[in-house]
Amino acid sequence: MAKINDTPDPKAIAELQGRIAAEQAMIQNEQTKLQLYAMVAQAEDKIQQQQQRELQARTWAARKGIQATPITFGTP
């Protein structure tokens, strides 16, 4: 950013601004990827927790003689 203020040539200024914009776009893309990875990890944690609850329900039902049906999502 300091180079822009020190550069008298408009063409060089435009080039520096373009490079800065490209770097900012790459940083934004990396931030978006990291957010996506965090969301996927959170979803996988929820799935694992649900599977554990279903396993516990089946185990408890087998011991008590009660039929437990697993929960399904996304089916009408």
N, C-alpha and C. Protein backbone atom coordinates (compact mmCIF):
# COMPACT_ATOMS: atom_id res chain seq x y z
N MET A 1 0.83 -1.19 0.00
CA MET A 1 0.00 0.00 0.00
C MET A 1 0.87 1.26 0.00
N ALA A 2 1.99 1.22 0.71
CA ALA A 2 2.86 2.39 0.75
C ALA A 2 3.48 2.65 -0.62
N LYS A 3 3.70 1.60 -1.39
CA LYS A 3 4.28 1.78 -2.73
C LYS A 3 3.36 2.59 -3.62
N ILE A 4 2.05 2.44 -3.44
CA ILE A 4 1.10 3.20 -4.27
C ILE A 4 1.29 4.69 -4.02
N ASN A 5 1.45 5.07 -2.76
CA ASN A 5 1.63 6.49 -2.44
C ASN A 5 2.97 7.02 -2.95
N ASP A 6 3.98 6.16 -3.03
CA ASP A 6 5.31 6.59 -3.46
C ASP A 6 5.49 6.53 -4.98
N THR A 7 4.56 5.94 -5.70
CA THR A 7 4.70 5.75 -7.14
C THR A 7 4.00 6.88 -7.89
N PRO A 8 4.76 7.63 -8.71
CA PRO A 8 4.13 8.73 -9.46
C PRO A 8 3.50 8.26 -10.77
N ASP A 9 3.86 7.08 -11.25
CA ASP A 9 3.40 6.58 -12.54
C ASP A 9 2.00 5.97 -12.42
N PRO A 10 0.99 6.51 -13.13
CA PRO A 10 -0.37 5.98 -13.03
C PRO A 10 -0.48 4.51 -13.46
N LYS A 11 0.33 4.12 -14.45
CA LYS A 11 0.29 2.72 -14.90
C LYS A 11 0.80 1.79 -13.80
N ALA A 12 1.86 2.19 -13.12
CA ALA A 12 2.40 1.38 -12.03
C ALA A 12 1.41 1.32 -10.86
N ILE A 13 0.74 2.43 -10.61
CA ILE A 13 -0.27 2.46 -9.54
C ILE A 13 -1.40 1.49 -9.87
N ALA A 14 -1.86 1.51 -11.11
CA ALA A 14 -2.94 0.61 -11.52
C ALA A 14 -2.49 -0.85 -11.40
N GLU A 15 -1.24 -1.12 -11.76
CA GLU A 15 -0.73 -2.48 -11.65
C GLU A 15 -0.67 -2.93 -10.19
N LEU A 16 -0.20 -2.05 -9.32
CA LEU A 16 -0.14 -2.39 -7.90
C LEU A 16 -1.55 -2.61 -7.33
N GLN A 17 -2.48 -1.77 -7.73
CA GLN A 17 -3.86 -1.93 -7.25
C GLN A 17 -4.44 -3.25 -7.74
N GLY A 18 -4.12 -3.63 -8.96
CA GLY A 18 -4.58 -4.91 -9.48
C GLY A 18 -4.00 -6.08 -8.71
N ARG A 19 -2.72 -5.99 -8.39
CA ARG A 19 -2.09 -7.06 -7.62
C ARG A 19 -2.68 -7.15 -6.21
N ILE A 20 -2.94 -5.99 -5.62
CA ILE A 20 -3.56 -5.98 -4.28
C ILE A 20 -4.95 -6.60 -4.34
N ALA A 21 -5.72 -6.24 -5.36
CA ALA A 21 -7.07 -6.80 -5.50
C ALA A 21 -7.01 -8.32 -5.70
N ALA A 22 -6.04 -8.79 -6.47
CA ALA A 22 -5.90 -10.23 -6.69
C ALA A 22 -5.54 -10.95 -5.38
N GLU A 23 -4.64 -10.37 -4.61
CA GLU A 23 -4.26 -10.96 -3.32
C GLU A 23 -5.46 -10.99 -2.37
N GLN A 24 -6.22 -9.91 -2.35
CA GLN A 24 -7.40 -9.86 -1.48
C GLN A 24 -8.42 -10.92 -1.90
N ALA A 25 -8.58 -11.13 -3.19
CA ALA A 25 -9.51 -12.16 -3.68
C ALA A 25 -9.03 -13.54 -3.26
N MET A 26 -7.73 -13.79 -3.33
CA MET A 26 -7.21 -15.10 -2.91
C MET A 26 -7.40 -15.32 -1.41
N ILE A 27 -7.19 -14.27 -0.64
CA ILE A 27 -7.41 -14.37 0.81
C ILE A 27 -8.88 -14.66 1.10
N GLN A 28 -9.78 -13.98 0.41
CA GLN A 28 -11.21 -14.21 0.60
C GLN A 28 -11.58 -15.64 0.23
N ASN A 29 -11.00 -16.16 -0.86
CA ASN A 29 -11.27 -17.55 -1.25
C ASN A 29 -10.80 -18.52 -0.18
N GLU A 30 -9.64 -18.27 0.40
CA GLU A 30 -9.14 -19.14 1.47
C GLU A 30 -10.04 -19.08 2.70
N GLN A 31 -10.53 -17.89 3.03
CA GLN A 31 -11.44 -17.75 4.16
C GLN A 31 -12.73 -18.53 3.91
N THR A 32 -13.23 -18.46 2.69
CA THR A 32 -14.44 -19.19 2.33
C THR A 32 -14.22 -20.69 2.44
N LYS A 33 -13.06 -21.16 1.97
CA LYS A 33 -12.74 -22.59 2.09
C LYS A 33 -12.70 -23.03 3.54
N LEU A 34 -12.06 -22.22 4.38
CA LEU A 34 -11.96 -22.57 5.80
C LEU A 34 -13.33 -22.62 6.45
N GLN A 35 -14.21 -21.69 6.09
CA GLN A 35 -15.57 -21.71 6.62
C GLN A 35 -16.30 -22.96 6.17
N LEU A 36 -16.11 -23.35 4.91
CA LEU A 36 -16.74 -24.55 4.39
C LEU A 36 -16.25 -25.79 5.13
N TYR A 37 -14.94 -25.88 5.35
CA TYR A 37 -14.39 -27.03 6.07
C TYR A 37 -14.94 -27.09 7.50
N ALA A 38 -15.08 -25.93 8.13
CA ALA A 38 -15.63 -25.89 9.49
C ALA A 38 -17.08 -26.36 9.49
N MET A 39 -17.85 -25.95 8.49
CA MET A 39 -19.25 -26.37 8.41
C MET A 39 -19.36 -27.87 8.16
N VAL A 40 -18.49 -28.42 7.31
CA VAL A 40 -18.50 -29.86 7.05
C VAL A 40 -18.14 -30.62 8.32
N ALA A 41 -17.13 -30.15 9.04
CA ALA A 41 -16.73 -30.82 10.28
C ALA A 41 -17.86 -30.79 11.30
N GLN A 42 -18.57 -29.67 11.39
CA GLN A 42 -19.69 -29.55 12.32
C GLN A 42 -20.81 -30.51 11.92
N ALA A 43 -21.10 -30.61 10.64
CA ALA A 43 -22.14 -31.52 10.17
C ALA A 43 -21.76 -32.97 10.46
N GLU A 44 -20.49 -33.31 10.25
CA GLU A 44 -20.05 -34.68 10.54
C GLU A 44 -20.14 -34.99 12.03
N ASP A 45 -19.84 -34.00 12.87
CA ASP A 45 -19.99 -34.20 14.31
C ASP A 45 -21.45 -34.48 14.68
N LYS A 46 -22.36 -33.72 14.07
CA LYS A 46 -23.79 -33.94 14.36
C LYS A 46 -24.24 -35.32 13.91
N ILE A 47 -23.76 -35.76 12.75
CA ILE A 47 -24.11 -37.10 12.26
C ILE A 47 -23.58 -38.16 13.22
N GLN A 48 -22.35 -37.99 13.66
CA GLN A 48 -21.76 -38.96 14.59
C GLN A 48 -22.53 -38.99 15.91
N GLN A 49 -22.94 -37.83 16.40
CA GLN A 49 -23.72 -37.79 17.64
C GLN A 49 -25.06 -38.49 17.46
N GLN A 50 -25.71 -38.25 16.31
CA GLN A 50 -27.00 -38.90 16.04
C GLN A 50 -26.83 -40.41 15.95
N GLN A 51 -25.79 -40.86 15.29
CA GLN A 51 -25.55 -42.30 15.18
C GLN A 51 -25.31 -42.91 16.56
N GLN A 52 -24.60 -42.19 17.41
CA GLN A 52 -24.36 -42.68 18.77
C GLN A 52 -25.67 -42.77 19.55
N ARG A 53 -26.54 -41.76 19.40
CA ARG A 53 -27.84 -41.81 20.09
C ARG A 53 -28.67 -42.99 19.60
N GLU A 54 -28.65 -43.23 18.28
CA GLU A 54 -29.41 -44.35 17.73
C GLU A 54 -28.86 -45.69 18.22
N LEU A 55 -27.55 -45.80 18.30
CA LEU A 55 -26.94 -47.03 18.81
C LEU A 55 -27.32 -47.24 20.27
N GLN A 56 -27.29 -46.20 21.05
CA GLN A 56 -27.68 -46.31 22.46
C GLN A 56 -29.15 -46.68 22.59
N ALA A 57 -29.99 -46.11 21.73
CA ALA A 57 -31.42 -46.43 21.77
C ALA A 57 -31.65 -47.90 21.42
N ARG A 58 -30.95 -48.40 20.41
CA ARG A 58 -31.10 -49.81 20.04
C ARG A 58 -30.60 -50.73 21.15
N THR A 59 -29.49 -50.35 21.76
CA THR A 59 -28.94 -51.15 22.86
C THR A 59 -29.92 -51.18 24.03
N TRP A 60 -30.45 -50.03 24.37
CA TRP A 60 -31.40 -49.95 25.47
C TRP A 60 -32.66 -50.75 25.14
N ALA A 61 -33.13 -50.63 23.91
CA ALA A 61 -34.34 -51.34 23.49
C ALA A 61 -34.11 -52.85 23.53
N ALA A 62 -32.93 -53.30 23.14
CA ALA A 62 -32.64 -54.74 23.16
C ALA A 62 -32.64 -55.27 24.59
N ARG A 63 -32.21 -54.49 25.51
CA ARG A 63 -32.18 -54.93 26.91
C ARG A 63 -33.56 -54.88 27.55
N LYS A 64 -34.38 -53.95 27.13
CA LYS A 64 -35.70 -53.77 27.73
C LYS A 64 -36.81 -54.40 26.90
N GLY A 65 -36.49 -54.87 25.71
CA GLY A 65 -37.52 -55.48 24.88
C GLY A 65 -38.42 -54.49 24.18
N ILE A 66 -37.95 -53.28 24.00
CA ILE A 66 -38.72 -52.23 23.33
C ILE A 66 -38.12 -52.00 21.95
N GLN A 67 -38.98 -51.87 20.95
CA GLN A 67 -38.51 -51.64 19.58
C GLN A 67 -38.28 -50.15 19.37
N ALA A 68 -37.08 -49.78 18.96
CA ALA A 68 -36.76 -48.38 18.66
C ALA A 68 -36.42 -48.27 17.18
N THR A 69 -37.07 -47.33 16.52
CA THR A 69 -36.77 -47.14 15.10
C THR A 69 -35.85 -45.93 14.95
N PRO A 70 -34.85 -46.03 14.08
CA PRO A 70 -33.95 -44.90 13.89
C PRO A 70 -34.65 -43.74 13.20
N ILE A 71 -34.21 -42.56 13.49
CA ILE A 71 -34.76 -41.35 12.89
C ILE A 71 -34.15 -41.18 11.51
N THR A 72 -34.98 -40.85 10.53
CA THR A 72 -34.48 -40.57 9.19
C THR A 72 -34.84 -39.14 8.83
N PHE A 73 -33.93 -38.48 8.15
CA PHE A 73 -34.13 -37.09 7.75
C PHE A 73 -34.26 -37.01 6.25
N GLY A 74 -35.07 -36.09 5.78
CA GLY A 74 -35.17 -35.82 4.36
C GLY A 74 -36.12 -36.73 3.60
N THR A 75 -36.83 -37.60 4.29
CA THR A 75 -37.80 -38.45 3.61
C THR A 75 -39.20 -38.00 4.00
N PRO A 76 -40.08 -37.86 3.02
CA PRO A 76 -41.44 -37.38 3.33
C PRO A 76 -42.28 -38.42 4.03
